[in-house]
Amino acid sequence: MPVAKPINCMKTVELDAPQRLPVKPENIISIPLGLLGFEQVKKYVLLGAPEEEPFLWLQMLDNPNQGFVVVPPANVVPNYNPDIPQGDIEALGIKNPGDAIVLNIVTVRGNESTVNLKGPIIINRHTLIGKQCIPVNVATFALQHPIAPVPVAA
């Protein structure tokens, strides 16, 4: 797996040796409105490695040496229950909760990691179209929720 180094001026991670795997069109995630601060980037691919679980990489398709560390929120905040606006649910074509993939962006600063609970990325698992949403109950969530350190195997 590539070694990541943080970029202080952006909320992305630059990869020293980006994974250059062939990407099939059916695996491309489209985020038509982009992500906050990266509105111009519309296409991503989700990558993961067993040794990095539960964390994943939301890698920019057109710039594979940049991406976001993301995590399914249930792995770090078990009681996380964002109330996604009905308009966003309809725009994404989500018919039931099982249609949605929910990911949250992780920020790593030194030995501390936080997860953004105010702006989850919701992806329709059938169409792979996503949107960064602002939950109706956003006031109940932290922008920088601490993540408990993951034990390192000896």
Protein backbone atom coordinates (compact mmCIF):
# COMPACT_ATOMS: atom_id res chain seq x y z
CA MET A 1 0.00 0.00 0.00
CA PRO A 2 1.32 3.48 -0.75
CA VAL A 3 2.86 5.59 1.97
CA ALA A 4 0.88 8.77 2.57
CA LYS A 5 2.20 12.15 3.57
CA PRO A 6 -0.13 14.92 4.74
CA ILE A 7 -0.40 18.18 2.84
CA ASN A 8 -0.98 21.00 5.29
CA CYS A 9 -2.62 23.40 2.81
CA MET A 10 -5.36 20.97 1.74
CA LYS A 11 -7.64 18.42 3.28
CA THR A 12 -6.26 15.70 1.00
CA VAL A 13 -3.41 13.28 1.30
CA GLU A 14 -0.71 13.04 -1.35
CA LEU A 15 0.46 9.51 -1.99
CA ASP A 16 4.18 8.84 -2.53
CA ALA A 17 3.45 5.89 -4.78
CA PRO A 18 -0.16 6.14 -5.94
CA GLN A 19 -1.97 2.93 -6.71
CA ARG A 20 -2.34 2.86 -10.46
CA LEU A 21 -4.81 0.06 -10.83
CA PRO A 22 -7.02 -0.15 -13.88
CA VAL A 23 -10.36 1.42 -13.03
CA LYS A 24 -13.46 0.05 -14.68
CA PRO A 25 -16.11 2.64 -15.57
CA GLU A 26 -18.63 0.77 -13.41
CA ASN A 27 -16.42 1.44 -10.34
CA ILE A 28 -16.22 5.22 -10.75
CA ILE A 29 -18.04 7.26 -8.12
CA SER A 30 -19.52 10.46 -9.50
CA ILE A 31 -20.00 13.41 -7.15
CA PRO A 32 -21.55 16.00 -9.51
CA LEU A 33 -21.30 18.91 -7.05
CA GLY A 34 -17.85 17.89 -5.83
CA LEU A 35 -16.75 18.01 -2.20
CA LEU A 36 -16.41 21.17 -0.13
CA GLY A 37 -13.25 22.91 -1.29
CA PHE A 38 -12.88 20.50 -4.22
CA GLU A 39 -15.99 21.36 -6.20
CA GLN A 40 -14.11 20.95 -9.50
CA VAL A 41 -13.30 17.28 -8.79
CA LYS A 42 -16.27 15.12 -9.82
CA LYS A 43 -14.91 11.57 -10.26
CA TYR A 44 -13.45 9.31 -7.58
CA VAL A 45 -12.66 5.68 -6.92
CA LEU A 46 -12.92 4.00 -3.51
CA LEU A 47 -9.88 1.91 -2.56
CA GLY A 48 -9.13 -0.13 0.51
CA ALA A 49 -6.66 -2.61 1.91
CA PRO A 50 -7.31 -5.15 4.66
CA GLU A 51 -4.41 -3.84 6.77
CA GLU A 52 -5.95 -0.34 6.76
CA GLU A 53 -9.50 -1.32 7.73
CA PRO A 54 -11.84 0.32 8.60
CA PHE A 55 -10.27 3.22 6.69
CA LEU A 56 -10.59 3.62 2.92
CA TRP A 57 -9.20 5.97 0.28
CA LEU A 58 -11.54 8.14 -1.80
CA GLN A 59 -9.02 8.72 -4.57
CA MET A 60 -9.40 11.42 -7.22
CA LEU A 61 -9.74 9.69 -10.59
CA ASP A 62 -8.00 12.41 -12.63
CA ASN A 63 -5.27 12.95 -10.04
CA PRO A 64 -4.57 9.54 -8.49
CA ASN A 65 -1.85 10.89 -6.23
CA GLN A 66 -4.47 12.77 -4.20
CA GLY A 67 -7.36 11.50 -2.18
CA PHE A 68 -9.25 11.61 1.06
CA VAL A 69 -9.03 9.15 3.93
CA VAL A 70 -12.63 8.14 4.67
CA VAL A 71 -14.34 5.78 7.05
CA PRO A 72 -17.81 4.26 7.36
CA PRO A 73 -19.05 6.10 10.48
CA ALA A 74 -20.38 2.98 12.23
CA ASN A 75 -16.76 1.90 12.69
CA VAL A 76 -15.78 4.96 14.72
CA VAL A 77 -19.04 6.51 16.01
CA PRO A 78 -21.57 3.71 16.60
CA ASN A 79 -24.47 6.05 17.49
CA TYR A 80 -24.03 8.33 14.45
CA ASN A 81 -27.42 8.89 12.85
CA PRO A 82 -27.43 11.85 10.45
CA ASP A 83 -30.84 13.07 9.29
CA ILE A 84 -30.16 13.53 5.57
CA PRO A 85 -32.47 16.09 3.90
CA GLN A 86 -35.27 14.53 1.87
CA GLY A 87 -34.20 16.54 -1.20
CA ASP A 88 -30.74 14.95 -1.10
CA ILE A 89 -32.22 11.47 -0.68
CA GLU A 90 -34.48 12.00 -3.68
CA ALA A 91 -31.71 13.57 -5.80
CA LEU A 92 -29.52 10.52 -5.14
CA GLY A 93 -32.36 8.10 -5.91
CA ILE A 94 -32.13 6.40 -2.52
CA LYS A 95 -35.26 4.35 -1.84
CA ASN A 96 -34.21 2.72 1.46
CA PRO A 97 -31.26 2.99 3.87
CA GLY A 98 -29.62 -0.10 2.35
CA ASP A 99 -29.18 1.83 -0.92
CA ALA A 100 -26.78 4.29 0.74
CA ILE A 101 -23.07 4.10 1.42
CA VAL A 102 -22.18 6.62 4.13
CA LEU A 103 -18.59 7.81 4.46
CA ASN A 104 -17.00 10.53 6.54
CA ILE A 105 -13.73 12.31 5.82
CA VAL A 106 -10.87 11.71 8.26
CA THR A 107 -8.23 14.30 9.11
CA VAL A 108 -4.88 13.12 10.45
CA ARG A 109 -2.67 15.57 12.34
CA GLY A 110 0.42 13.98 13.78
CA ASN A 111 -0.72 11.13 16.03
CA GLU A 112 -4.29 12.43 16.29
CA SER A 113 -7.15 11.70 13.92
CA THR A 114 -10.60 13.24 13.71
CA VAL A 115 -13.64 12.55 11.57
CA ASN A 116 -15.97 15.16 10.08
CA LEU A 117 -19.50 14.24 11.18
CA LYS A 118 -21.08 17.46 9.85
CA GLY A 119 -20.59 16.66 6.15
CA PRO A 120 -21.06 12.96 5.40
CA ILE A 121 -20.64 11.73 1.85
CA ILE A 122 -23.73 9.78 0.81
CA ILE A 123 -23.38 7.48 -2.21
CA ASN A 124 -26.13 5.51 -3.92
CA ARG A 125 -24.60 2.02 -4.00
CA HIS A 126 -26.49 1.12 -7.18
CA THR A 127 -25.69 4.20 -9.31
CA LEU A 128 -22.45 5.28 -7.57
CA ILE A 129 -23.66 8.87 -7.59
CA GLY A 130 -22.88 10.72 -4.41
CA LYS A 131 -23.16 14.02 -2.61
CA GLN A 132 -21.62 15.60 0.44
CA CYS A 133 -24.67 16.37 2.54
CA ILE A 134 -25.37 18.62 5.49
CA PRO A 135 -27.64 16.70 7.88
CA VAL A 136 -30.76 18.39 9.24
CA ASN A 137 -29.43 17.59 12.71
CA VAL A 138 -25.94 18.97 11.91
CA ALA A 139 -25.80 20.96 15.18
CA THR A 140 -25.57 17.69 17.14
CA PHE A 141 -22.34 16.61 15.40
CA ALA A 142 -18.71 17.68 15.61
CA LEU A 143 -16.64 18.87 12.69
CA GLN A 144 -13.60 17.25 14.29
CA HIS A 145 -14.79 14.25 16.29
CA PRO A 146 -11.76 12.48 17.82
CA ILE A 147 -11.09 8.94 16.69
CA ALA A 148 -9.76 6.57 19.31
CA PRO A 149 -6.25 5.36 18.44
CA VAL A 150 -6.17 2.04 16.61
CA PRO A 151 -3.97 -0.51 18.42
CA VAL A 152 -0.84 -1.39 16.45
CA ALA A 153 0.15 -5.06 16.32
CA ALA A 154 3.54 -5.79 17.85
